[in-house]
Amino acid sequence: QVQLVESGGGLVQPGGSLRLSCAASGNIFSINVLGWYRQAPGKQRELVATVTAGGSTNYASSVKGRFTISKNYANDWVYLQMNGLKPEDTAVYYCYARLGLWDDYWGQGTQVTVSS
């Protein structure tokens, strides 16, 4: 099992920046993918960005060029640098980890609100 704890959410004006952090603990040596998803009110949870244990990244088209995902070598921290934030980025952001092929874990979520 893996435990995930997010931090770094908050209120920011349009065009601003935030950095989300996620600390992973437990069976971190079995993590294959780390990432971030988000869920806005009334909408389904959607992928934001992922990074594999080998460092390959994947981004939703809506955030490409504005958000950057990174992790440390030990796979126990994953970050999401968000620049050029827009009101439509407002959502609860969830840290995600996949162990093996199908074993998924989620953090408790952190609120990001983009508003003037």
Protein backbone atom coordinates (compact mmCIF):
# COMPACT_ATOMS: atom_id res chain seq x y z
CA GLN A 1 0.00 0.00 0.00
CA VAL A 2 0.90 3.65 -0.49
CA GLN A 3 -0.26 6.72 1.41
CA LEU A 4 -0.39 10.08 -0.38
CA VAL A 5 -0.65 13.52 1.25
CA GLU A 6 -1.06 16.67 -0.84
CA SER A 7 -0.22 20.26 0.07
CA GLY A 8 0.07 23.63 -1.62
CA GLY A 9 -3.45 24.43 -2.76
CA GLY A 10 -5.11 27.79 -2.23
CA LEU A 11 -6.62 30.87 -3.79
CA VAL A 12 -4.77 32.61 -6.62
CA GLN A 13 -5.64 35.29 -9.14
CA PRO A 14 -5.88 34.51 -12.86
CA GLY A 15 -2.42 34.42 -14.39
CA GLY A 16 -0.84 33.47 -11.09
CA SER A 17 1.14 30.40 -10.04
CA LEU A 18 0.90 27.64 -7.45
CA ARG A 19 3.02 24.62 -6.67
CA LEU A 20 1.38 21.46 -5.40
CA SER A 21 3.38 18.85 -3.51
CA CYS A 22 2.54 15.26 -2.70
CA ALA A 23 4.39 13.08 -0.21
CA ALA A 24 4.21 9.34 -0.75
CA SER A 25 4.92 6.78 1.95
CA GLY A 26 4.64 3.04 2.30
CA ASN A 27 5.55 0.74 -0.59
CA ILE A 28 7.11 3.52 -2.69
CA PHE A 29 9.54 1.13 -4.39
CA SER A 30 6.60 -0.45 -6.24
CA ILE A 31 5.31 2.83 -7.67
CA ASN A 32 5.23 2.80 -11.48
CA VAL A 33 3.35 6.05 -12.07
CA LEU A 34 2.79 9.21 -10.05
CA GLY A 35 0.46 11.94 -11.11
CA TRP A 36 -2.20 14.54 -10.56
CA TYR A 37 -5.90 14.47 -11.37
CA ARG A 38 -8.51 17.12 -10.71
CA GLN A 39 -12.25 17.31 -10.24
CA ALA A 40 -14.30 20.46 -10.68
CA PRO A 41 -17.83 20.78 -9.23
CA GLY A 42 -20.32 18.81 -11.30
CA LYS A 43 -17.62 17.28 -13.48
CA GLN A 44 -15.81 13.96 -13.63
CA ARG A 45 -12.31 13.55 -12.32
CA GLU A 46 -9.81 14.15 -15.12
CA LEU A 47 -6.14 13.56 -15.70
CA VAL A 48 -3.85 16.58 -15.34
CA ALA A 49 -0.38 15.08 -15.62
CA THR A 50 1.53 11.89 -14.91
CA VAL A 51 5.17 10.88 -14.62
CA THR A 52 6.49 7.35 -14.78
CA ALA A 53 9.20 5.88 -12.58
CA GLY A 54 11.51 6.30 -15.57
CA GLY A 55 10.67 9.99 -15.89
CA SER A 56 8.34 10.01 -18.90
CA THR A 57 5.62 12.64 -18.60
CA ASN A 58 2.12 13.03 -19.98
CA TYR A 59 -0.11 16.10 -19.82
CA ALA A 60 -3.71 16.94 -20.53
CA SER A 61 -3.91 19.19 -23.56
CA SER A 62 -5.61 21.89 -21.47
CA VAL A 63 -2.55 22.31 -19.23
CA LYS A 64 0.30 21.57 -21.62
CA GLY A 65 2.79 24.43 -21.65
CA ARG A 66 1.46 25.87 -18.38
CA PHE A 67 1.88 23.03 -15.87
CA THR A 68 5.00 20.99 -15.13
CA ILE A 69 5.07 17.70 -13.24
CA SER A 70 8.24 16.50 -11.55
CA LYS A 71 9.32 13.95 -8.98
CA ASN A 72 12.35 13.14 -6.95
CA TYR A 73 14.59 10.15 -7.58
CA ALA A 74 13.21 8.13 -4.67
CA ASN A 75 9.63 8.41 -5.94
CA ASP A 76 8.41 9.70 -2.60
CA TRP A 77 7.65 13.24 -3.73
CA VAL A 78 5.76 14.46 -6.77
CA TYR A 79 5.16 18.10 -7.63
CA LEU A 80 2.93 20.08 -9.93
CA GLN A 81 4.09 23.57 -10.87
CA MET A 82 1.10 25.48 -12.23
CA ASN A 83 1.71 28.74 -14.09
CA GLY A 84 -0.67 30.93 -16.02
CA LEU A 85 -3.62 29.72 -13.98
CA LYS A 86 -7.11 30.24 -15.37
CA PRO A 87 -10.51 30.20 -13.65
CA GLU A 88 -11.25 26.90 -15.41
CA ASP A 89 -8.34 25.34 -13.51
CA THR A 90 -10.40 25.66 -10.32
CA ALA A 91 -10.87 22.18 -8.89
CA VAL A 92 -9.87 19.77 -6.17
CA TYR A 93 -6.50 18.34 -7.18
CA TYR A 94 -5.71 14.74 -6.23
CA CYS A 95 -2.34 13.06 -6.06
CA TYR A 96 -2.28 9.62 -7.67
CA ALA A 97 0.01 6.62 -7.59
CA ARG A 98 -0.15 3.34 -9.47
CA LEU A 99 1.58 0.22 -8.20
CA GLY A 100 2.02 -2.57 -10.71
CA LEU A 101 -0.53 -2.50 -13.54
CA TRP A 102 -3.83 -1.84 -11.76
CA ASP A 103 -3.29 -0.94 -8.09
CA ASP A 104 -4.27 2.73 -7.78
CA TYR A 105 -4.04 5.02 -4.76
CA TRP A 106 -5.33 8.53 -4.16
CA GLY A 107 -4.63 11.39 -1.81
CA GLN A 108 -7.34 13.28 0.03
CA GLY A 109 -7.25 16.22 -2.39
CA THR A 110 -6.32 19.88 -2.15
CA GLN A 111 -8.48 22.77 -3.32
CA VAL A 112 -7.19 25.15 -5.99
CA THR A 113 -9.31 28.23 -6.67
CA VAL A 114 -8.46 30.69 -9.42
CA SER A 115 -10.45 33.88 -9.04
CA SER A 116 -10.04 37.62 -8.98
